[in-house]
């Protein structure tokens, strides 16, 4: 994934601010925590669909949106903002959750690429 694609997924200004103010190590730990927590968020979202619970769906999408936003995953956070407001009846199409998983993976790859670019810029 190139820089332009990375910037499509990430809030680079926010992430650069984090690196400048918190340090790269803290940003890496934030990302690691996100990667651990997102597994739980996605499982909760899938359970909300299975239970046909609009309240749970919205709650878990909201949590994941906040987590994604806090690590600068702008595109994913924006998608979750839209998803948290849909009704569970609209989820008969399982592609919504599949697409969410794909976008999450793409955002993780973009973040990893961004981290790698920090290392290569310092050499």
Protein backbone atom coordinates (compact mmCIF):
# COMPACT_ATOMS: atom_id res chain seq x y z
CA UNK A 1 0.00 0.00 0.00
CA UNK A 2 1.50 3.31 -1.01
CA UNK A 3 1.57 6.58 0.90
CA UNK A 4 -1.47 7.98 -0.93
CA UNK A 5 -3.51 4.90 -0.07
CA UNK A 6 -2.31 5.07 3.52
CA UNK A 7 -3.44 8.68 3.78
CA UNK A 8 -6.87 7.61 2.49
CA UNK A 9 -7.26 5.37 5.54
CA UNK A 10 -5.48 7.32 8.26
CA UNK A 11 -5.59 10.74 9.85
CA UNK A 12 -1.88 11.37 9.33
CA UNK A 13 -1.94 14.79 11.03
CA UNK A 14 -3.34 13.21 14.20
CA UNK A 15 -0.85 10.35 14.10
CA UNK A 16 2.09 12.68 13.55
CA UNK A 17 0.88 14.76 16.50
CA UNK A 18 0.76 11.58 18.60
CA UNK A 19 4.31 10.65 17.63
CA UNK A 20 5.58 14.17 18.36
CA UNK A 21 3.82 14.48 21.72
CA UNK A 22 3.69 10.89 23.01
CA UNK A 23 6.51 9.19 21.18
CA UNK A 24 6.55 6.35 18.70
CA UNK A 25 6.63 3.64 21.37
CA UNK A 26 3.35 4.83 22.92
CA UNK A 27 1.72 5.04 19.49
CA UNK A 28 2.82 1.48 18.77
CA UNK A 29 1.31 0.36 22.09
CA UNK A 30 -1.94 2.16 21.26
CA UNK A 31 -2.04 0.30 17.95
CA UNK A 32 -1.32 -3.05 19.64
CA UNK A 33 -4.16 -2.43 22.08
CA UNK A 34 -6.49 -1.57 19.21
CA UNK A 35 -5.56 -4.81 17.43
CA UNK A 36 -6.37 -6.80 20.58
CA UNK A 37 -9.64 -5.00 21.30
CA UNK A 38 -10.97 -4.99 17.74
CA UNK A 39 -11.24 -8.78 17.83
CA UNK A 40 -13.70 -8.39 20.72
CA UNK A 41 -15.57 -5.53 19.04
CA UNK A 42 -16.08 -7.49 15.83
CA UNK A 43 -17.25 -10.57 17.75
CA UNK A 44 -19.71 -8.38 19.68
CA UNK A 45 -20.97 -6.83 16.44
CA UNK A 46 -21.46 -10.29 14.91
CA UNK A 47 -23.34 -11.42 18.04
CA UNK A 48 -25.59 -8.36 17.84
CA UNK A 49 -26.47 -9.33 14.28
CA UNK A 50 -27.14 -12.93 15.30
CA UNK A 51 -29.30 -11.73 18.21
CA UNK A 52 -31.02 -9.17 15.95
CA UNK A 53 -30.34 -6.52 18.59
CA UNK A 54 -30.32 -2.97 17.26
CA UNK A 55 -29.30 -1.62 20.67
CA UNK A 56 -26.26 -3.92 20.89
CA UNK A 57 -25.38 -3.29 17.24
CA UNK A 58 -25.31 0.46 17.81
CA UNK A 59 -23.43 0.15 21.08
CA UNK A 60 -20.67 -2.04 19.65
CA UNK A 61 -20.35 -0.06 16.43
CA UNK A 62 -20.03 3.07 18.57
CA UNK A 63 -17.28 1.49 20.69
CA UNK A 64 -15.36 0.31 17.64
CA UNK A 65 -15.81 3.73 16.01
CA UNK A 66 -14.23 5.39 19.03
CA UNK A 67 -11.36 2.94 19.13
CA UNK A 68 -10.68 3.32 15.40
CA UNK A 69 -10.84 7.10 15.67
CA UNK A 70 -8.47 7.16 18.63
CA UNK A 71 -5.75 5.47 16.56
CA UNK A 72 -6.38 7.67 13.54
CA UNK A 73 -8.23 5.12 11.40
CA UNK A 74 -10.32 7.83 9.78
CA UNK A 75 -11.98 5.87 6.98
CA UNK A 76 -12.98 3.01 9.29
CA UNK A 77 -14.28 5.40 11.95
CA UNK A 78 -16.37 7.23 9.33
CA UNK A 79 -17.84 3.93 8.11
CA UNK A 80 -18.71 2.90 11.65
CA UNK A 81 -20.34 6.28 12.22
CA UNK A 82 -22.74 5.46 9.39
CA UNK A 83 -23.19 1.84 10.45
CA UNK A 84 -24.05 2.64 14.05
CA UNK A 85 -27.19 4.40 12.86
CA UNK A 86 -28.66 1.67 10.68
CA UNK A 87 -31.44 -0.56 11.87
CA UNK A 88 -30.76 -4.24 12.52
CA UNK A 89 -33.39 -5.10 9.88
CA UNK A 90 -30.98 -3.72 7.27
CA UNK A 91 -28.44 -6.36 8.27
CA UNK A 92 -30.08 -9.24 6.45
CA UNK A 93 -27.29 -8.70 3.96
CA UNK A 94 -24.26 -10.25 5.68
CA UNK A 95 -21.96 -8.27 3.40
CA UNK A 96 -22.16 -5.32 5.80
CA UNK A 97 -20.22 -7.17 8.50
CA UNK A 98 -17.89 -8.78 5.93
CA UNK A 99 -17.12 -5.36 4.45
CA UNK A 100 -16.50 -3.98 7.95
CA UNK A 101 -13.96 -6.75 8.59
CA UNK A 102 -12.25 -6.07 5.27
CA UNK A 103 -12.08 -2.34 5.93
CA UNK A 104 -10.67 -3.03 9.40
CA UNK A 105 -7.94 -5.22 7.90
CA UNK A 106 -7.16 -2.57 5.28
CA UNK A 107 -6.88 0.04 8.02
CA UNK A 108 -4.56 -2.19 10.05
CA UNK A 109 -2.35 -2.69 6.98
CA UNK A 110 -2.32 1.07 6.37
CA UNK A 111 -1.31 1.69 9.98
CA UNK A 112 1.47 -0.90 9.78
CA UNK A 113 2.70 0.68 6.53
CA UNK A 114 2.68 4.09 8.19
CA UNK A 115 4.68 2.74 11.15
CA UNK A 116 7.15 1.17 8.73
CA UNK A 117 7.55 4.50 6.94
CA UNK A 118 8.55 6.08 10.26
CA UNK A 119 11.32 3.54 10.66
CA UNK A 120 12.60 3.98 7.11
CA UNK A 121 12.53 7.78 7.39
CA UNK A 122 14.72 7.65 10.48
CA UNK A 123 17.47 5.56 8.81
